[in-house]
C-alpha atoms as a PDB file:
ATOM      1  CA  MET A   1     -41.723-141.413 -15.607  1.00  0.00           C
ATOM      2  CA  GLN A   2     -44.354-138.996 -14.391  1.00  0.00           C
ATOM      3  CA  ARG A   3     -45.926-141.733 -12.286  1.00  0.00           C
ATOM      4  CA  ILE A   4     -42.578-142.394 -10.508  1.00  0.00           C
ATOM      5  CA  SER A   5     -42.171-138.677  -9.801  1.00  0.00           C
ATOM      6  CA  THR A   6     -45.698-138.508  -8.423  1.00  0.00           C
ATOM      7  CA  LEU A   7     -45.060-141.532  -6.195  1.00  0.00           C
ATOM      8  CA  LEU A   8     -41.777-140.067  -4.920  1.00  0.00           C
ATOM      9  CA  LEU A   9     -43.466-136.746  -4.186  1.00  0.00           C
ATOM     10  CA  ALA A  10     -46.330-138.495  -2.406  1.00  0.00           C
ATOM     11  CA  GLY A  11     -43.858-140.545  -0.365  1.00  0.00           C
ATOM     12  CA  ALA A  12     -41.880-137.457   0.615  1.00  0.00           C
ATOM     13  CA  CYS A  13     -45.084-135.689   1.696  1.00  0.00           C
ATOM     14  CA  ALA A  14     -46.140-138.723   3.750  1.00  0.00           C
ATOM     15  CA  VAL A  15     -42.777-138.800   5.540  1.00  0.00           C
ATOM     16  CA  ALA A  16     -42.951-135.051   6.241  1.00  0.00           C
ATOM     17  CA  LEU A  17     -46.473-135.322   7.618  1.00  0.00           C
ATOM     18  CA  ALA A  18     -45.517-138.289   9.804  1.00  0.00           C
ATOM     19  CA  ARG A  19     -42.626-136.304  11.280  1.00  0.00           C
ATOM     20  CA  LEU A  20     -44.872-133.316  11.963  1.00  0.00           C
ATOM     21  CA  ALA A  21     -47.458-135.516  13.635  1.00  0.00           C
ATOM     22  CA  SER A  22     -44.878-137.143  15.905  1.00  0.00           C
ATOM     23  CA  ALA A  23     -43.100-133.893  16.801  1.00  0.00           C
ATOM     24  CA  GLN A  24     -43.700-132.740  20.361  1.00  0.00           C
ATOM     25  CA  ALA A  25     -43.947-129.146  21.439  1.00  0.00           C
ATOM     26  CA  ALA A  26     -40.696-127.901  22.949  1.00  0.00           C
ATOM     27  CA  PRO A  27     -40.882-127.375  26.718  1.00  0.00           C
ATOM     28  CA  GLU A  28     -40.889-123.838  28.057  1.00  0.00           C
ATOM     29  CA  MET A  29     -37.381-122.589  28.818  1.00  0.00           C
ATOM     30  CA  SER A  30     -36.193-119.492  30.640  1.00  0.00           C
ATOM     31  CA  LEU A  31     -33.084-118.063  32.293  1.00  0.00           C
ATOM     32  CA  THR A  32     -33.355-115.667  35.235  1.00  0.00           C
ATOM     33  CA  ARG A  33     -30.363-113.818  36.705  1.00  0.00           C
ATOM     34  CA  LEU A  34     -30.459-113.295  40.451  1.00  0.00           C
ATOM     35  CA  ASP A  35     -28.320-110.926  42.537  1.00  0.00           C
ATOM     36  CA  CYS A  36     -26.715-113.320  45.036  1.00  0.00           C
ATOM     37  CA  GLY A  37     -24.476-110.767  46.711  1.00  0.00           C
ATOM     38  CA  THR A  38     -22.381-107.682  46.198  1.00  0.00           C
ATOM     39  CA  SER A  39     -18.829-107.018  47.315  1.00  0.00           C
ATOM     40  CA  ALA A  40     -18.867-104.853  50.422  1.00  0.00           C
ATOM     41  CA  ALA A  41     -16.277-102.487  48.986  1.00  0.00           C
ATOM     42  CA  PRO A  42     -15.198-101.668  45.439  1.00  0.00           C
ATOM     43  CA  THR A  43     -12.496-103.997  44.089  1.00  0.00           C
ATOM     44  CA  ALA A  44      -9.344-102.792  42.321  1.00  0.00           C
ATOM     45  CA  VAL A  45      -9.734-104.009  38.735  1.00  0.00           C
ATOM     46  CA  ASN A  46      -6.004-104.148  37.919  1.00  0.00           C
ATOM     47  CA  GLN A  47      -5.159-106.458  40.803  1.00  0.00           C
ATOM     48  CA  ARG A  48      -7.792-109.099  40.062  1.00  0.00           C
ATOM     49  CA  PHE A  49      -9.095-108.822  36.510  1.00  0.00           C
ATOM     50  CA  SER A  50      -6.418-107.446  34.194  1.00  0.00           C
ATOM     51  CA  ASP A  51      -3.306-109.009  32.731  1.00  0.00           C
ATOM     52  CA  THR A  52      -2.252-105.741  31.102  1.00  0.00           C
ATOM     53  CA  TYR A  53      -2.876-103.445  34.111  1.00  0.00           C
ATOM     54  CA  ALA A  54      -4.460-100.907  31.775  1.00  0.00           C
ATOM     55  CA  TYR A  55      -7.108 -99.704  34.237  1.00  0.00           C
ATOM     56  CA  GLY A  56      -5.002 -97.603  36.613  1.00  0.00           C
ATOM     57  CA  ASP A  57      -6.723 -97.132  39.962  1.00  0.00           C
ATOM     58  CA  LEU A  58     -10.190 -98.092  38.688  1.00  0.00           C
ATOM     59  CA  LYS A  59     -12.300 -99.757  41.378  1.00  0.00           C
ATOM     60  CA  LEU A  60     -15.709-101.331  40.759  1.00  0.00           C
ATOM     61  CA  GLN A  61     -18.296-102.894  42.988  1.00  0.00           C
ATOM     62  CA  PHE A  62     -19.066-106.361  41.663  1.00  0.00           C
ATOM     63  CA  VAL A  63     -22.338-108.267  41.813  1.00  0.00           C
ATOM     64  CA  PHE A  64     -22.194-112.022  42.355  1.00  0.00           C
ATOM     65  CA  SER A  65     -24.848-113.407  40.045  1.00  0.00           C
ATOM     66  CA  CYS A  66     -26.554-116.759  40.137  1.00  0.00           C
ATOM     67  CA  TYR A  67     -28.912-118.098  37.506  1.00  0.00           C
ATOM     68  CA  LEU A  68     -32.198-119.966  37.670  1.00  0.00           C
ATOM     69  CA  ILE A  69     -32.796-122.152  34.624  1.00  0.00           C
ATOM     70  CA  LYS A  70     -36.323-123.388  33.921  1.00  0.00           C
ATOM     71  CA  HIS A  71     -36.900-126.267  31.509  1.00  0.00           C
ATOM     72  CA  GLY A  72     -40.507-127.390  31.414  1.00  0.00           C
ATOM     73  CA  ASP A  73     -41.499-127.933  35.043  1.00  0.00           C
ATOM     74  CA  GLU A  74     -37.917-128.432  36.240  1.00  0.00           C
ATOM     75  CA  TYR A  75     -35.611-125.816  37.745  1.00  0.00           C
ATOM     76  CA  MET A  76     -31.845-125.745  38.185  1.00  0.00           C
ATOM     77  CA  LEU A  77     -29.828-123.165  40.107  1.00  0.00           C
ATOM     78  CA  TRP A  78     -26.475-122.525  38.459  1.00  0.00           C
ATOM     79  CA  ASP A  79     -23.476-120.765  40.002  1.00  0.00           C
ATOM     80  CA  ALA A  80     -24.738-119.603  43.344  1.00  0.00           C
ATOM     81  CA  GLY A  81     -21.825-117.116  43.599  1.00  0.00           C
ATOM     82  CA  HIS A  82     -20.096-116.555  46.913  1.00  0.00           C
ATOM     83  CA  ALA A  83     -21.366-118.156  50.091  1.00  0.00           C
ATOM     84  CA  MET A  84     -23.449-115.742  52.111  1.00  0.00           C
ATOM     85  CA  THR A  85     -20.932-116.178  54.952  1.00  0.00           C
ATOM     86  CA  THR A  86     -17.937-115.132  52.808  1.00  0.00           C
ATOM     87  CA  PRO A  87     -16.242-112.034  54.249  1.00  0.00           C
ATOM     88  CA  ASN A  88     -16.727-108.836  52.232  1.00  0.00           C
ATOM     89  CA  VAL A  89     -19.912-110.066  50.569  1.00  0.00           C
ATOM     90  CA  ALA A  90     -23.064-108.195  51.436  1.00  0.00           C
ATOM     91  CA  PRO A  91     -26.191-110.116  50.345  1.00  0.00           C
ATOM     92  CA  LYS A  92     -29.135-107.773  49.977  1.00  0.00           C
ATOM     93  CA  VAL A  93     -31.757-110.528  49.981  1.00  0.00           C
ATOM     94  CA  SER A  94     -31.422-114.234  50.801  1.00  0.00           C
ATOM     95  CA  LEU A  95     -31.605-116.732  47.948  1.00  0.00           C
ATOM     96  CA  VAL A  96     -34.802-118.214  49.396  1.00  0.00           C
ATOM     97  CA  ASP A  97     -36.391-114.735  49.408  1.00  0.00           C
ATOM     98  CA  LEU A  98     -35.198-114.060  45.832  1.00  0.00           C
ATOM     99  CA  LEU A  99     -36.824-117.309  44.681  1.00  0.00           C
ATOM    100  CA  GLY A 100     -39.995-116.386  46.566  1.00  0.00           C
ATOM    101  CA  GLN A 101     -40.201-113.113  44.628  1.00  0.00           C
ATOM    102  CA  ILE A 102     -40.572-115.130  41.417  1.00  0.00           C
ATOM    103  CA  ASN A 103     -42.865-117.762  42.976  1.00  0.00           C
ATOM    104  CA  VAL A 104     -40.333-120.604  43.043  1.00  0.00           C
ATOM    105  CA  LYS A 105     -39.935-122.741  46.175  1.00  0.00           C
ATOM    106  CA  PRO A 106     -36.483-124.168  47.026  1.00  0.00           C
ATOM    107  CA  GLU A 107     -37.878-127.715  46.897  1.00  0.00           C
ATOM    108  CA  GLN A 108     -38.792-127.197  43.210  1.00  0.00           C
ATOM    109  CA  ILE A 109     -35.102-126.957  42.301  1.00  0.00           C
ATOM    110  CA  SER A 110     -33.466-130.196  41.130  1.00  0.00           C
ATOM    111  CA  LEU A 111     -29.947-131.083  42.097  1.00  0.00           C
END
């Protein structure tokens, strides 16, 4: 009985070690938020973002965010916000310049 237990334990250890040996290191991952534009004028919250109209005359200036996702050596740009030519959007810095600030070239981004 003890011999069977020892064999089962040895087998379990061998399987665990084989899995550890075959496991690969996870690729580096990161998420970076970029400011891809700001509304030129504050927006009335009640008119666009509330179904209860509980905010009275509150107006806020919104930032249109976009996100750069890095997975290993690959990049993906997600939700590029409003087009830079959209009326009432004032981009502070172009997307190409924002990427340059973090040392990423547009051609590194996958579709």
